[in-house]
Amino acid sequence: PALYEYIGQTLKYPFSAQSAGIQGVVYIYFVIKKDGTITDVKVKNGINEDLNAEAVRIVKRMPKWKPGRFEGRLVSYEFTLPIRFKLE
């Protein structure tokens, strides 16, 4: 819930996409390192250059995550996050 609250508060729908009526889901791939930092942010499946850029901006600005654990050790892990852009 905190993640989607963050996205809702941070997301700025690009005007160019709004005026063109473009909406949909952008899937962003990234890696959470052992220290919780986010790296390797990439568009896995995008819909529009401006919406893709906004989704990447949001993920790059996220606070640190809790690192993953495997057999009691901290590990890096991959994550894909869907970010929905919907016109109301």
Protein backbone atom coordinates (compact mmCIF):
# COMPACT_ATOMS: atom_id res chain seq x y z
CA PRO A 1 0.00 0.00 0.00
CA ALA A 2 2.82 2.47 0.78
CA LEU A 3 4.32 1.91 -2.67
CA TYR A 4 1.11 2.77 -4.48
CA GLU A 5 0.56 5.76 -2.20
CA TYR A 6 4.04 7.00 -3.14
CA ILE A 7 3.30 6.53 -6.85
CA GLY A 8 -0.03 8.34 -6.53
CA GLN A 9 1.58 11.30 -4.81
CA THR A 10 4.63 11.48 -7.11
CA LEU A 11 3.19 10.71 -10.55
CA LYS A 12 2.80 13.65 -12.91
CA TYR A 13 0.81 12.69 -16.00
CA PRO A 14 2.68 14.24 -18.97
CA PHE A 15 0.54 16.87 -20.69
CA SER A 16 1.44 15.57 -24.16
CA ALA A 17 0.07 12.12 -23.29
CA GLN A 18 -3.02 13.61 -21.63
CA SER A 19 -3.88 15.75 -24.63
CA ALA A 20 -3.38 12.77 -26.98
CA GLY A 21 -5.58 10.56 -24.77
CA ILE A 22 -2.79 8.03 -24.19
CA GLN A 23 -3.17 5.73 -21.22
CA GLY A 24 -2.07 2.27 -20.17
CA VAL A 25 0.52 0.46 -18.08
CA VAL A 26 4.28 0.94 -18.20
CA TYR A 27 6.32 -1.95 -16.76
CA ILE A 28 9.59 -0.88 -15.15
CA TYR A 29 12.37 -3.35 -14.37
CA PHE A 30 14.93 -2.60 -11.66
CA VAL A 31 17.28 -4.24 -9.19
CA ILE A 32 17.17 -3.80 -5.42
CA LYS A 33 20.74 -4.08 -4.13
CA LYS A 34 21.78 -5.62 -0.80
CA ASP A 35 21.71 -2.17 0.82
CA GLY A 36 18.18 -1.42 -0.48
CA THR A 37 19.20 1.01 -3.22
CA ILE A 38 17.53 0.84 -6.61
CA THR A 39 19.68 0.38 -9.72
CA ASP A 40 19.44 -0.71 -13.37
CA VAL A 41 16.08 1.01 -13.94
CA LYS A 42 14.76 0.17 -17.42
CA VAL A 43 11.47 0.18 -19.29
CA LYS A 44 10.52 -3.45 -19.75
CA ASN A 45 7.29 -2.75 -21.64
CA GLY A 46 6.33 0.83 -22.44
CA ILE A 47 3.50 2.62 -24.20
CA ASN A 48 4.70 6.16 -24.95
CA GLU A 49 8.03 7.97 -24.67
CA ASP A 50 6.73 10.58 -22.21
CA LEU A 51 4.86 8.07 -20.03
CA ASN A 52 7.87 5.75 -20.03
CA ALA A 53 10.14 8.61 -18.92
CA GLU A 54 7.75 9.56 -16.11
CA ALA A 55 7.60 5.97 -14.86
CA VAL A 56 11.42 5.75 -14.85
CA ARG A 57 11.63 9.08 -12.99
CA ILE A 58 9.28 7.82 -10.28
CA VAL A 59 11.23 4.60 -9.73
CA LYS A 60 14.61 6.35 -9.66
CA ARG A 61 13.35 8.72 -6.95
CA MET A 62 11.95 5.98 -4.70
CA PRO A 63 13.36 5.68 -1.21
CA LYS A 64 15.44 2.65 -0.32
CA TRP A 65 13.66 -0.71 -0.16
CA LYS A 66 14.13 -3.46 2.38
CA PRO A 67 16.78 -5.75 0.92
CA GLY A 68 15.96 -9.33 0.03
CA ARG A 69 17.06 -12.27 2.12
CA PHE A 70 17.93 -15.78 1.09
CA GLU A 71 18.98 -18.38 3.65
CA GLY A 72 19.55 -15.58 6.16
CA ARG A 73 21.86 -13.56 3.90
CA LEU A 74 21.11 -10.23 2.27
CA VAL A 75 20.80 -10.54 -1.50
CA SER A 76 20.07 -8.32 -4.46
CA TYR A 77 16.89 -9.08 -6.36
CA GLU A 78 15.08 -8.07 -9.53
CA PHE A 79 11.66 -6.49 -9.56
CA THR A 80 9.19 -5.45 -12.25
CA LEU A 81 6.71 -2.75 -11.27
CA PRO A 82 3.59 -1.92 -13.30
CA ILE A 83 2.75 1.79 -13.26
CA ARG A 84 -0.74 2.56 -14.53
CA PHE A 85 -1.55 5.80 -16.32
CA LYS A 86 -5.29 6.34 -16.53
CA LEU A 87 -7.19 9.40 -17.64
CA GLU A 88 -10.26 10.25 -15.63
